[in-house]
N, C-alpha and C. Protein backbone atom coordinates (compact mmCIF):
# COMPACT_ATOMS: atom_id res chain seq x y z
N MET A 1 234.67 263.11 -90.86
CA MET A 1 235.34 261.98 -90.22
C MET A 1 234.47 261.43 -89.09
N ALA A 2 234.29 260.12 -89.05
CA ALA A 2 233.44 259.50 -88.05
C ALA A 2 234.08 259.60 -86.67
N ARG A 3 233.23 259.76 -85.67
CA ARG A 3 233.72 259.80 -84.30
C ARG A 3 234.07 258.38 -83.84
N ARG A 4 235.11 258.26 -83.06
CA ARG A 4 235.51 256.97 -82.54
C ARG A 4 234.44 256.45 -81.58
N PRO A 5 234.06 255.17 -81.65
CA PRO A 5 233.03 254.66 -80.74
C PRO A 5 233.41 254.85 -79.28
N LEU A 6 232.42 255.16 -78.47
CA LEU A 6 232.62 255.32 -77.04
C LEU A 6 232.62 253.96 -76.33
N ASP A 7 233.38 253.86 -75.27
CA ASP A 7 233.32 252.71 -74.38
C ASP A 7 232.36 253.07 -73.25
N LEU A 8 231.14 252.54 -73.31
CA LEU A 8 230.10 252.87 -72.33
C LEU A 8 230.13 251.97 -71.10
N SER A 9 231.04 251.03 -71.05
CA SER A 9 230.95 249.92 -70.10
C SER A 9 230.71 250.35 -68.65
N ILE A 10 231.60 251.14 -68.08
CA ILE A 10 231.39 251.69 -66.74
C ILE A 10 231.38 253.21 -66.87
N TYR A 11 230.20 253.76 -66.84
CA TYR A 11 229.90 255.15 -67.21
C TYR A 11 229.54 255.90 -65.92
N LEU A 12 230.44 256.74 -65.46
CA LEU A 12 230.23 257.48 -64.22
C LEU A 12 229.51 258.79 -64.50
N ILE A 13 228.39 259.01 -63.80
CA ILE A 13 227.70 260.29 -63.81
C ILE A 13 227.93 260.94 -62.46
N THR A 14 228.49 262.14 -62.45
CA THR A 14 228.88 262.75 -61.18
C THR A 14 227.69 263.38 -60.46
N ASP A 15 227.79 263.40 -59.14
CA ASP A 15 226.82 264.08 -58.28
C ASP A 15 227.63 264.84 -57.24
N THR A 16 227.64 266.15 -57.35
CA THR A 16 228.50 266.98 -56.51
C THR A 16 228.20 266.80 -55.03
N ALA A 17 226.92 266.82 -54.67
CA ALA A 17 226.55 266.66 -53.26
C ALA A 17 226.94 265.28 -52.74
N MET A 18 226.70 264.27 -53.52
CA MET A 18 226.99 262.91 -53.10
C MET A 18 228.49 262.65 -52.96
N CYS A 19 229.29 263.31 -53.78
CA CYS A 19 230.74 263.15 -53.69
C CYS A 19 231.28 263.69 -52.37
N GLY A 20 230.55 264.62 -51.77
CA GLY A 20 230.87 265.09 -50.43
C GLY A 20 232.25 265.71 -50.30
N GLN A 21 232.90 265.41 -49.19
CA GLN A 21 234.18 266.03 -48.86
C GLN A 21 235.28 265.65 -49.87
N LEU A 22 235.21 264.46 -50.40
CA LEU A 22 236.22 264.04 -51.37
C LEU A 22 236.20 264.93 -52.61
N GLY A 23 235.01 265.33 -53.02
CA GLY A 23 234.87 266.22 -54.17
C GLY A 23 234.76 265.47 -55.48
N VAL A 24 234.24 266.16 -56.48
CA VAL A 24 233.99 265.55 -57.79
C VAL A 24 235.31 265.20 -58.48
N ALA A 25 236.25 266.13 -58.51
CA ALA A 25 237.50 265.90 -59.24
C ALA A 25 238.26 264.70 -58.69
N ALA A 26 238.38 264.61 -57.37
CA ALA A 26 239.10 263.49 -56.76
C ALA A 26 238.35 262.18 -56.96
N THR A 27 237.02 262.24 -56.93
CA THR A 27 236.22 261.05 -57.18
C THR A 27 236.45 260.55 -58.60
N VAL A 28 236.42 261.46 -59.56
CA VAL A 28 236.65 261.09 -60.96
C VAL A 28 238.04 260.48 -61.12
N SER A 29 239.04 261.11 -60.52
CA SER A 29 240.42 260.62 -60.64
C SER A 29 240.55 259.20 -60.13
N ALA A 30 239.99 258.94 -58.95
CA ALA A 30 240.07 257.59 -58.36
C ALA A 30 239.29 256.58 -59.19
N ALA A 31 238.11 256.99 -59.66
CA ALA A 31 237.24 256.07 -60.40
C ALA A 31 237.84 255.72 -61.77
N VAL A 32 238.38 256.69 -62.45
CA VAL A 32 238.98 256.44 -63.76
C VAL A 32 240.21 255.55 -63.60
N GLY A 33 240.99 255.78 -62.55
CA GLY A 33 242.14 254.93 -62.30
C GLY A 33 241.79 253.49 -62.02
N ALA A 34 240.54 253.27 -61.59
CA ALA A 34 240.09 251.92 -61.24
C ALA A 34 239.19 251.28 -62.29
N GLY A 35 238.97 251.97 -63.43
CA GLY A 35 238.25 251.29 -64.50
C GLY A 35 237.06 251.98 -65.13
N VAL A 36 236.71 253.20 -64.70
CA VAL A 36 235.63 253.93 -65.37
C VAL A 36 236.05 254.26 -66.81
N SER A 37 235.12 254.10 -67.75
CA SER A 37 235.45 254.27 -69.17
C SER A 37 234.90 255.56 -69.76
N LEU A 38 233.96 256.21 -69.08
CA LEU A 38 233.34 257.43 -69.58
C LEU A 38 232.81 258.21 -68.38
N VAL A 39 232.96 259.54 -68.41
CA VAL A 39 232.49 260.39 -67.31
C VAL A 39 231.51 261.42 -67.85
N GLN A 40 230.39 261.55 -67.16
CA GLN A 40 229.43 262.63 -67.45
C GLN A 40 229.40 263.58 -66.27
N LEU A 41 229.61 264.85 -66.53
CA LEU A 41 229.53 265.88 -65.50
C LEU A 41 228.09 266.35 -65.39
N ARG A 42 227.49 266.11 -64.22
CA ARG A 42 226.10 266.52 -64.00
C ARG A 42 226.00 267.26 -62.67
N ASP A 43 225.59 268.51 -62.73
CA ASP A 43 225.36 269.31 -61.53
C ASP A 43 224.35 270.39 -61.89
N ASP A 44 223.09 270.10 -61.65
CA ASP A 44 222.02 271.02 -62.04
C ASP A 44 222.02 272.30 -61.22
N ASP A 45 222.66 272.27 -60.04
CA ASP A 45 222.64 273.44 -59.16
C ASP A 45 223.78 274.41 -59.41
N ALA A 46 224.81 273.99 -60.14
CA ALA A 46 225.96 274.85 -60.41
C ALA A 46 225.61 275.91 -61.45
N THR A 47 226.21 277.08 -61.31
CA THR A 47 226.09 278.09 -62.37
C THR A 47 226.94 277.65 -63.56
N ASP A 48 226.74 278.30 -64.68
CA ASP A 48 227.55 277.98 -65.86
C ASP A 48 229.04 278.15 -65.56
N ASP A 49 229.40 279.26 -64.89
CA ASP A 49 230.81 279.52 -64.58
C ASP A 49 231.37 278.44 -63.66
N GLU A 50 230.59 278.04 -62.66
CA GLU A 50 231.04 277.00 -61.74
C GLU A 50 231.22 275.67 -62.46
N LEU A 51 230.31 275.38 -63.37
CA LEU A 51 230.39 274.11 -64.09
C LEU A 51 231.58 274.09 -65.04
N VAL A 52 231.83 275.21 -65.70
CA VAL A 52 233.00 275.28 -66.59
C VAL A 52 234.29 275.10 -65.79
N LYS A 53 234.38 275.73 -64.64
CA LYS A 53 235.58 275.60 -63.80
C LYS A 53 235.80 274.16 -63.40
N LEU A 54 234.73 273.49 -62.95
CA LEU A 54 234.84 272.09 -62.55
C LEU A 54 235.14 271.21 -63.75
N GLY A 55 234.50 271.49 -64.87
CA GLY A 55 234.75 270.72 -66.08
C GLY A 55 236.19 270.79 -66.53
N ARG A 56 236.77 271.95 -66.44
CA ARG A 56 238.18 272.10 -66.83
C ARG A 56 239.10 271.30 -65.92
N GLN A 57 238.77 271.26 -64.63
CA GLN A 57 239.55 270.44 -63.70
C GLN A 57 239.50 268.97 -64.10
N ILE A 58 238.31 268.53 -64.46
CA ILE A 58 238.14 267.12 -64.82
C ILE A 58 238.83 266.81 -66.15
N VAL A 59 238.73 267.71 -67.11
CA VAL A 59 239.42 267.52 -68.40
C VAL A 59 240.91 267.36 -68.16
N ALA A 60 241.47 268.15 -67.26
CA ALA A 60 242.89 268.05 -66.96
C ALA A 60 243.23 266.69 -66.35
N ILE A 61 242.36 266.20 -65.49
CA ILE A 61 242.57 264.88 -64.86
C ILE A 61 242.52 263.77 -65.91
N LEU A 62 241.61 263.92 -66.87
CA LEU A 62 241.39 262.87 -67.87
C LEU A 62 242.37 262.93 -69.04
N GLN A 63 243.16 263.98 -69.11
CA GLN A 63 243.94 264.28 -70.31
C GLN A 63 244.76 263.11 -70.82
N SER A 64 245.41 262.38 -69.95
CA SER A 64 246.30 261.30 -70.40
C SER A 64 245.67 259.91 -70.27
N THR A 65 244.37 259.87 -69.97
CA THR A 65 243.72 258.58 -69.70
C THR A 65 242.98 258.01 -70.91
N GLY A 66 242.62 258.87 -71.86
CA GLY A 66 241.80 258.42 -72.99
C GLY A 66 240.32 258.33 -72.66
N VAL A 67 239.93 258.70 -71.43
CA VAL A 67 238.52 258.66 -71.02
C VAL A 67 237.87 260.01 -71.34
N PRO A 68 236.78 260.02 -72.10
CA PRO A 68 236.14 261.28 -72.47
C PRO A 68 235.27 261.85 -71.35
N LEU A 69 235.07 263.18 -71.40
CA LEU A 69 234.14 263.86 -70.51
C LEU A 69 232.94 264.34 -71.32
N ILE A 70 231.75 263.96 -70.86
CA ILE A 70 230.48 264.36 -71.46
C ILE A 70 229.78 265.31 -70.49
N VAL A 71 229.17 266.36 -71.00
CA VAL A 71 228.49 267.34 -70.16
C VAL A 71 226.98 267.13 -70.23
N ASN A 72 226.36 266.98 -69.09
CA ASN A 72 224.91 266.79 -69.05
C ASN A 72 224.17 268.10 -69.34
N ASN A 73 223.24 268.03 -70.27
CA ASN A 73 222.28 269.09 -70.57
C ASN A 73 222.92 270.34 -71.18
N ARG A 74 223.87 270.95 -70.51
CA ARG A 74 224.37 272.26 -70.94
C ARG A 74 225.45 272.11 -72.03
N VAL A 75 224.98 271.72 -73.21
CA VAL A 75 225.92 271.47 -74.30
C VAL A 75 226.62 272.74 -74.77
N HIS A 76 226.05 273.89 -74.44
CA HIS A 76 226.69 275.16 -74.83
C HIS A 76 227.99 275.40 -74.06
N LEU A 77 228.26 274.59 -73.04
CA LEU A 77 229.48 274.75 -72.25
C LEU A 77 230.58 273.77 -72.64
N VAL A 78 230.28 272.86 -73.55
CA VAL A 78 231.24 271.81 -73.91
C VAL A 78 232.55 272.40 -74.42
N GLN A 79 232.45 273.34 -75.33
CA GLN A 79 233.65 273.92 -75.92
C GLN A 79 234.47 274.70 -74.89
N ALA A 80 233.79 275.46 -74.04
CA ALA A 80 234.48 276.27 -73.03
C ALA A 80 235.26 275.39 -72.05
N MET A 81 234.75 274.21 -71.78
CA MET A 81 235.42 273.28 -70.87
C MET A 81 236.56 272.53 -71.53
N GLY A 82 236.44 272.37 -72.85
CA GLY A 82 237.33 271.45 -73.53
C GLY A 82 236.87 270.02 -73.38
N ALA A 83 235.57 269.84 -73.09
CA ALA A 83 234.99 268.50 -72.93
C ALA A 83 234.82 267.84 -74.28
N HIS A 84 234.43 266.57 -74.25
CA HIS A 84 234.40 265.77 -75.48
C HIS A 84 233.00 265.58 -76.06
N GLY A 85 231.99 266.08 -75.36
CA GLY A 85 230.64 265.94 -75.87
C GLY A 85 229.59 266.30 -74.85
N GLY A 86 228.33 266.07 -75.23
CA GLY A 86 227.21 266.41 -74.37
C GLY A 86 226.19 265.29 -74.30
N HIS A 87 225.26 265.44 -73.37
CA HIS A 87 224.17 264.48 -73.21
C HIS A 87 222.91 265.26 -72.89
N VAL A 88 221.82 264.93 -73.57
CA VAL A 88 220.55 265.61 -73.34
C VAL A 88 219.46 264.61 -72.99
N GLY A 89 218.50 265.09 -72.20
CA GLY A 89 217.34 264.29 -71.83
C GLY A 89 216.13 264.70 -72.65
N GLN A 90 215.01 264.05 -72.37
CA GLN A 90 213.80 264.34 -73.14
C GLN A 90 213.27 265.75 -72.89
N GLY A 91 213.58 266.32 -71.75
CA GLY A 91 213.11 267.67 -71.44
C GLY A 91 214.14 268.74 -71.71
N ASP A 92 215.28 268.35 -72.27
CA ASP A 92 216.35 269.30 -72.55
C ASP A 92 216.29 269.75 -74.01
N LEU A 93 217.35 270.34 -74.47
CA LEU A 93 217.46 270.76 -75.87
C LEU A 93 217.27 269.56 -76.79
N ASP A 94 216.52 269.76 -77.87
CA ASP A 94 216.31 268.71 -78.87
C ASP A 94 217.66 268.21 -79.39
N ALA A 95 217.74 266.91 -79.65
CA ALA A 95 219.01 266.32 -80.07
C ALA A 95 219.55 266.96 -81.35
N GLY A 96 218.67 267.27 -82.29
CA GLY A 96 219.12 267.91 -83.53
C GLY A 96 219.70 269.29 -83.27
N ALA A 97 219.05 270.05 -82.39
CA ALA A 97 219.55 271.38 -82.04
C ALA A 97 220.86 271.27 -81.25
N ALA A 98 220.95 270.26 -80.40
CA ALA A 98 222.18 270.04 -79.64
C ALA A 98 223.34 269.71 -80.56
N ARG A 99 223.10 268.88 -81.56
CA ARG A 99 224.14 268.54 -82.53
C ARG A 99 224.57 269.78 -83.32
N ALA A 100 223.61 270.59 -83.71
CA ALA A 100 223.94 271.81 -84.44
C ALA A 100 224.82 272.74 -83.60
N LEU A 101 224.53 272.80 -82.31
CA LEU A 101 225.30 273.65 -81.40
C LEU A 101 226.70 273.09 -81.17
N LEU A 102 226.79 271.77 -81.06
CA LEU A 102 228.08 271.12 -80.79
C LEU A 102 229.00 271.11 -82.00
N GLY A 103 228.42 271.01 -83.18
CA GLY A 103 229.22 270.78 -84.37
C GLY A 103 229.44 269.29 -84.58
N PRO A 104 230.18 268.91 -85.61
CA PRO A 104 230.26 267.50 -86.00
C PRO A 104 231.18 266.63 -85.15
N ALA A 105 232.16 267.20 -84.46
CA ALA A 105 233.18 266.39 -83.80
C ALA A 105 232.79 265.82 -82.44
N PRO A 106 232.15 266.58 -81.54
CA PRO A 106 231.88 266.06 -80.20
C PRO A 106 230.84 264.94 -80.19
N TYR A 107 230.87 264.17 -79.13
CA TYR A 107 229.89 263.11 -78.91
C TYR A 107 228.56 263.70 -78.43
N LEU A 108 227.47 262.95 -78.67
CA LEU A 108 226.17 263.35 -78.16
C LEU A 108 225.37 262.12 -77.78
N GLY A 109 224.89 262.10 -76.54
CA GLY A 109 224.02 261.03 -76.06
C GLY A 109 222.63 261.57 -75.75
N LEU A 110 221.67 260.67 -75.71
CA LEU A 110 220.27 261.04 -75.47
C LEU A 110 219.64 260.04 -74.53
N SER A 111 218.92 260.54 -73.51
CA SER A 111 218.18 259.68 -72.60
C SER A 111 216.83 259.31 -73.20
N VAL A 112 216.47 258.03 -73.09
CA VAL A 112 215.16 257.56 -73.58
C VAL A 112 214.51 256.67 -72.54
N GLN A 113 213.19 256.69 -72.53
CA GLN A 113 212.44 255.85 -71.60
C GLN A 113 211.39 254.97 -72.29
N THR A 114 211.05 255.31 -73.53
CA THR A 114 209.96 254.60 -74.21
C THR A 114 210.36 254.27 -75.65
N MET A 115 209.58 253.39 -76.26
CA MET A 115 209.81 253.05 -77.67
C MET A 115 209.57 254.28 -78.55
N GLU A 116 208.63 255.12 -78.17
CA GLU A 116 208.38 256.35 -78.94
C GLU A 116 209.63 257.24 -78.95
N HIS A 117 210.31 257.32 -77.80
CA HIS A 117 211.53 258.12 -77.73
C HIS A 117 212.59 257.58 -78.71
N VAL A 118 212.70 256.26 -78.79
CA VAL A 118 213.68 255.65 -79.70
C VAL A 118 213.29 255.93 -81.15
N THR A 119 212.00 255.83 -81.43
CA THR A 119 211.51 256.08 -82.79
C THR A 119 211.81 257.51 -83.22
N VAL A 120 211.56 258.47 -82.34
CA VAL A 120 211.85 259.87 -82.64
C VAL A 120 213.35 260.06 -82.85
N ALA A 121 214.14 259.42 -82.00
CA ALA A 121 215.61 259.54 -82.13
C ALA A 121 216.08 259.02 -83.48
N ARG A 122 215.47 257.95 -83.94
CA ARG A 122 215.87 257.36 -85.22
C ARG A 122 215.54 258.28 -86.40
N GLY A 123 214.68 259.24 -86.17
CA GLY A 123 214.32 260.19 -87.22
C GLY A 123 215.34 261.29 -87.43
N HIS A 124 216.31 261.40 -86.52
CA HIS A 124 217.34 262.42 -86.67
C HIS A 124 218.33 262.03 -87.78
N ASP A 125 219.00 263.00 -88.31
CA ASP A 125 219.99 262.76 -89.36
C ASP A 125 221.08 261.82 -88.87
N ASN A 126 221.65 261.06 -89.79
CA ASN A 126 222.79 260.22 -89.45
C ASN A 126 223.91 261.08 -88.87
N GLY A 127 224.54 260.57 -87.83
CA GLY A 127 225.63 261.31 -87.21
C GLY A 127 225.19 262.22 -86.09
N THR A 128 223.87 262.31 -85.85
CA THR A 128 223.40 263.19 -84.77
C THR A 128 223.78 262.62 -83.41
N LEU A 129 223.50 261.32 -83.22
CA LEU A 129 223.69 260.70 -81.91
C LEU A 129 224.78 259.64 -81.94
N ASP A 130 225.36 259.41 -80.77
CA ASP A 130 226.38 258.37 -80.61
C ASP A 130 225.92 257.22 -79.72
N TYR A 131 225.02 257.49 -78.80
CA TYR A 131 224.54 256.44 -77.89
C TYR A 131 223.25 256.90 -77.22
N LEU A 132 222.54 255.95 -76.63
CA LEU A 132 221.35 256.24 -75.84
C LEU A 132 221.58 255.82 -74.39
N GLY A 133 221.03 256.61 -73.48
CA GLY A 133 220.94 256.21 -72.08
C GLY A 133 219.53 255.70 -71.83
N VAL A 134 219.39 254.46 -71.42
CA VAL A 134 218.07 253.83 -71.27
C VAL A 134 217.76 253.62 -69.80
N GLY A 135 216.65 254.18 -69.36
CA GLY A 135 216.27 253.99 -67.97
C GLY A 135 215.40 255.13 -67.46
N PRO A 136 215.08 255.07 -66.17
CA PRO A 136 215.67 254.16 -65.19
C PRO A 136 215.17 252.71 -65.34
N VAL A 137 216.10 251.78 -65.16
CA VAL A 137 215.72 250.37 -65.19
C VAL A 137 215.07 249.99 -63.88
N TRP A 138 215.70 250.41 -62.77
CA TRP A 138 215.15 250.21 -61.43
C TRP A 138 214.97 251.56 -60.75
N GLU A 139 214.37 251.56 -59.58
CA GLU A 139 214.18 252.78 -58.80
C GLU A 139 215.53 253.45 -58.55
N THR A 140 215.54 254.78 -58.61
CA THR A 140 216.75 255.53 -58.34
C THR A 140 216.43 256.73 -57.47
N ALA A 141 217.33 257.03 -56.54
CA ALA A 141 217.15 258.19 -55.67
C ALA A 141 218.08 259.33 -56.05
N THR A 142 218.86 259.15 -57.12
CA THR A 142 219.87 260.16 -57.46
C THR A 142 219.38 261.16 -58.49
N LYS A 143 218.17 260.98 -58.99
CA LYS A 143 217.59 261.95 -59.93
C LYS A 143 216.13 262.15 -59.54
N MET A 144 215.84 263.31 -58.98
CA MET A 144 214.53 263.53 -58.37
C MET A 144 213.38 263.49 -59.38
N ASP A 145 213.64 263.85 -60.63
CA ASP A 145 212.59 263.88 -61.65
C ASP A 145 212.66 262.67 -62.58
N ALA A 146 213.25 261.59 -62.09
CA ALA A 146 213.41 260.39 -62.91
C ALA A 146 212.04 259.81 -63.29
N ALA A 147 211.98 259.21 -64.46
CA ALA A 147 210.76 258.57 -64.94
C ALA A 147 210.50 257.28 -64.15
N THR A 148 209.33 256.69 -64.37
CA THR A 148 208.99 255.42 -63.73
C THR A 148 209.92 254.32 -64.25
N PRO A 149 210.45 253.48 -63.35
CA PRO A 149 211.35 252.40 -63.79
C PRO A 149 210.69 251.50 -64.82
N GLY A 150 211.46 251.13 -65.85
CA GLY A 150 210.92 250.31 -66.93
C GLY A 150 211.22 248.84 -66.79
N GLY A 151 212.21 248.49 -65.96
CA GLY A 151 212.56 247.09 -65.77
C GLY A 151 213.41 246.53 -66.90
N LEU A 152 213.78 245.27 -66.75
CA LEU A 152 214.68 244.63 -67.69
C LEU A 152 214.05 244.37 -69.06
N GLN A 153 212.78 244.05 -69.09
CA GLN A 153 212.14 243.79 -70.38
C GLN A 153 212.09 245.05 -71.23
N ARG A 154 211.81 246.19 -70.61
CA ARG A 154 211.83 247.46 -71.35
C ARG A 154 213.24 247.75 -71.84
N LEU A 155 214.23 247.46 -71.00
CA LEU A 155 215.62 247.63 -71.42
C LEU A 155 215.90 246.81 -72.67
N ARG A 156 215.48 245.58 -72.68
CA ARG A 156 215.70 244.72 -73.85
C ARG A 156 214.98 245.27 -75.09
N GLU A 157 213.74 245.71 -74.93
CA GLU A 157 212.98 246.24 -76.06
C GLU A 157 213.68 247.46 -76.68
N LEU A 158 214.14 248.37 -75.82
CA LEU A 158 214.71 249.60 -76.33
C LEU A 158 216.11 249.39 -76.91
N THR A 159 216.90 248.55 -76.27
CA THR A 159 218.24 248.27 -76.82
C THR A 159 218.12 247.54 -78.16
N SER A 160 217.11 246.68 -78.28
CA SER A 160 216.92 245.95 -79.54
C SER A 160 216.48 246.87 -80.67
N ALA A 161 215.75 247.93 -80.31
CA ALA A 161 215.24 248.86 -81.33
C ALA A 161 216.24 249.96 -81.67
N SER A 162 217.27 250.10 -80.87
CA SER A 162 218.21 251.19 -81.05
C SER A 162 219.34 250.83 -82.02
N PRO A 163 219.62 251.70 -82.98
CA PRO A 163 220.77 251.47 -83.86
C PRO A 163 222.08 251.88 -83.20
N TRP A 164 221.98 252.50 -82.01
CA TRP A 164 223.16 252.95 -81.28
C TRP A 164 223.38 252.09 -80.04
N PRO A 165 224.61 252.01 -79.54
CA PRO A 165 224.83 251.32 -78.27
C PRO A 165 224.09 252.03 -77.14
N CYS A 166 223.70 251.28 -76.14
CA CYS A 166 222.89 251.82 -75.05
C CYS A 166 223.54 251.59 -73.70
N ALA A 167 223.49 252.62 -72.86
CA ALA A 167 223.92 252.49 -71.47
C ALA A 167 222.69 252.43 -70.59
N ALA A 168 222.59 251.38 -69.79
CA ALA A 168 221.48 251.27 -68.84
C ALA A 168 221.76 252.17 -67.64
N ILE A 169 220.70 252.76 -67.07
CA ILE A 169 220.86 253.62 -65.92
C ILE A 169 219.68 253.43 -64.98
N GLY A 170 219.93 253.66 -63.69
CA GLY A 170 218.86 253.60 -62.70
C GLY A 170 218.93 252.37 -61.83
N GLY A 171 219.42 252.54 -60.61
CA GLY A 171 219.47 251.44 -59.66
C GLY A 171 220.51 250.38 -59.98
N ILE A 172 221.52 250.73 -60.77
CA ILE A 172 222.53 249.76 -61.18
C ILE A 172 223.48 249.47 -60.02
N THR A 173 223.67 248.21 -59.71
CA THR A 173 224.59 247.77 -58.67
C THR A 173 225.49 246.68 -59.25
N VAL A 174 226.52 246.32 -58.50
CA VAL A 174 227.40 245.24 -58.93
C VAL A 174 226.60 243.98 -59.21
N ALA A 175 225.66 243.67 -58.33
CA ALA A 175 224.88 242.44 -58.46
C ALA A 175 223.98 242.43 -59.68
N ARG A 176 223.65 243.61 -60.21
CA ARG A 176 222.72 243.69 -61.35
C ARG A 176 223.42 243.82 -62.70
N LEU A 177 224.73 243.92 -62.71
CA LEU A 177 225.44 244.14 -63.96
C LEU A 177 225.28 243.00 -64.95
N LEU A 178 225.28 241.77 -64.45
CA LEU A 178 225.11 240.62 -65.34
C LEU A 178 223.77 240.69 -66.06
N GLN A 179 222.70 241.02 -65.34
CA GLN A 179 221.38 241.13 -65.96
C GLN A 179 221.35 242.24 -67.00
N VAL A 180 221.93 243.38 -66.64
CA VAL A 180 221.96 244.53 -67.55
C VAL A 180 222.65 244.16 -68.86
N ARG A 181 223.78 243.46 -68.74
CA ARG A 181 224.53 243.05 -69.93
C ARG A 181 223.73 242.06 -70.76
N ARG A 182 223.10 241.11 -70.11
CA ARG A 182 222.34 240.08 -70.82
C ARG A 182 221.10 240.63 -71.49
N PHE A 183 220.59 241.75 -71.00
CA PHE A 183 219.39 242.33 -71.59
C PHE A 183 219.72 243.43 -72.60
N GLY A 184 220.96 243.44 -73.09
CA GLY A 184 221.28 244.23 -74.27
C GLY A 184 222.08 245.49 -74.08
N ALA A 185 222.39 245.87 -72.85
CA ALA A 185 223.12 247.12 -72.64
C ALA A 185 224.59 246.97 -73.01
N ALA A 186 225.14 248.02 -73.59
CA ALA A 186 226.57 248.06 -73.90
C ALA A 186 227.37 248.64 -72.75
N GLY A 187 226.66 249.10 -71.72
CA GLY A 187 227.34 249.66 -70.57
C GLY A 187 226.34 249.98 -69.48
N ALA A 188 226.87 250.37 -68.32
CA ALA A 188 226.05 250.71 -67.17
C ALA A 188 226.45 252.08 -66.66
N ALA A 189 225.49 252.99 -66.59
CA ALA A 189 225.72 254.32 -66.05
C ALA A 189 225.37 254.32 -64.57
N VAL A 190 226.28 254.79 -63.74
CA VAL A 190 226.09 254.74 -62.29
C VAL A 190 226.40 256.09 -61.66
N VAL A 191 225.74 256.34 -60.54
CA VAL A 191 226.00 257.53 -59.74
C VAL A 191 226.42 257.07 -58.33
N SER A 192 225.44 256.61 -57.57
CA SER A 192 225.70 256.27 -56.16
C SER A 192 226.56 255.04 -55.98
N ALA A 193 226.70 254.21 -57.01
CA ALA A 193 227.57 253.04 -56.90
C ALA A 193 229.03 253.45 -56.84
N ILE A 194 229.32 254.70 -57.19
CA ILE A 194 230.69 255.23 -57.10
C ILE A 194 230.74 256.50 -56.24
N CYS A 195 229.93 257.50 -56.57
CA CYS A 195 229.97 258.77 -55.83
C CYS A 195 229.57 258.56 -54.37
N GLY A 196 230.40 259.03 -53.46
CA GLY A 196 230.10 258.93 -52.04
C GLY A 196 230.45 257.60 -51.40
N GLN A 197 230.99 256.67 -52.18
CA GLN A 197 231.40 255.39 -51.60
C GLN A 197 232.63 255.59 -50.71
N PRO A 198 232.74 254.82 -49.61
CA PRO A 198 233.88 254.99 -48.69
C PRO A 198 235.23 254.80 -49.37
N ASP A 199 235.27 253.88 -50.34
CA ASP A 199 236.49 253.65 -51.11
C ASP A 199 236.09 253.65 -52.58
N VAL A 200 236.25 254.80 -53.22
CA VAL A 200 235.80 254.97 -54.59
C VAL A 200 236.50 254.00 -55.53
N ALA A 201 237.80 253.83 -55.35
CA ALA A 201 238.56 252.95 -56.24
C ALA A 201 238.09 251.50 -56.09
N ALA A 202 237.89 251.05 -54.87
CA ALA A 202 237.44 249.67 -54.65
C ALA A 202 236.04 249.45 -55.21
N ALA A 203 235.15 250.43 -55.03
CA ALA A 203 233.79 250.32 -55.56
C ALA A 203 233.82 250.24 -57.09
N THR A 204 234.69 251.04 -57.70
CA THR A 204 234.80 251.04 -59.16
C THR A 204 235.39 249.72 -59.66
N ARG A 205 236.41 249.23 -58.98
CA ARG A 205 237.02 247.95 -59.39
C ARG A 205 236.00 246.82 -59.34
N ALA A 206 235.12 246.85 -58.33
CA ALA A 206 234.09 245.81 -58.22
C ALA A 206 233.14 245.87 -59.41
N LEU A 207 232.76 247.08 -59.82
CA LEU A 207 231.91 247.24 -61.00
C LEU A 207 232.63 246.78 -62.26
N ARG A 208 233.89 247.20 -62.40
CA ARG A 208 234.68 246.84 -63.58
C ARG A 208 234.82 245.33 -63.71
N THR A 209 235.13 244.67 -62.60
CA THR A 209 235.30 243.22 -62.61
C THR A 209 234.00 242.51 -62.96
N ALA A 210 232.90 242.97 -62.36
CA ALA A 210 231.60 242.33 -62.61
C ALA A 210 231.17 242.51 -64.07
N TRP A 211 231.42 243.71 -64.63
CA TRP A 211 231.04 243.93 -66.02
C TRP A 211 231.89 243.07 -66.95
N ASP A 212 233.17 243.02 -66.69
CA ASP A 212 234.06 242.22 -67.56
C ASP A 212 233.69 240.74 -67.50
N ARG A 213 233.32 240.27 -66.35
CA ARG A 213 232.90 238.86 -66.22
C ARG A 213 231.60 238.62 -66.96
N ALA A 214 230.68 239.61 -66.89
CA ALA A 214 229.39 239.49 -67.57
C ALA A 214 229.57 239.49 -69.08
N SER A 215 230.61 240.17 -69.55
CA SER A 215 230.85 240.29 -70.99
C SER A 215 231.65 239.14 -71.55
N ALA A 216 232.20 238.33 -70.67
CA ALA A 216 233.08 237.24 -71.13
C ALA A 216 232.29 236.15 -71.83
């Protein structure tokens, strides 16, 4: 049975340190209530047990919302959390191996930065991937090992070559959403535009409104 397409439009990637005193779970709750369509749990410093505990909290928050939870990198924890899928980067587990570990039902996303990455991704069996994360488009301070920004033209090239919907990532702001949409992205993945904002719900609503206007 085919997996239902994901809504990548406003894609929140969590940052535990950046969420600060409010915390990841409360940030996710406020953001989803204000228009986030997909959540990725990312915390490279957490132990597996800590990440599973946090993931379960978020799954409980999302239970009646219809918004899926994707786990960054550690796809072996998806089932233990009750999450809906995983996401891997170029330096993580190979997408084919990740799919084999996940089984056929969960979602799987892959980060790409170059046309070669897209070409390799296209070589995987049908049903391996559900979407690509393309970027960084602009400079980002939320991922210390981020690749060199590719800009909007690279975004257009990779989204055009991808058979899957693509979420743009890296330096995404409300003001840049229109450009991201026009250059082929099906959604925008954000960290600092939501995590750590003084009013998480208001920040999310601004993103949601800007994306919807760009898509009109």
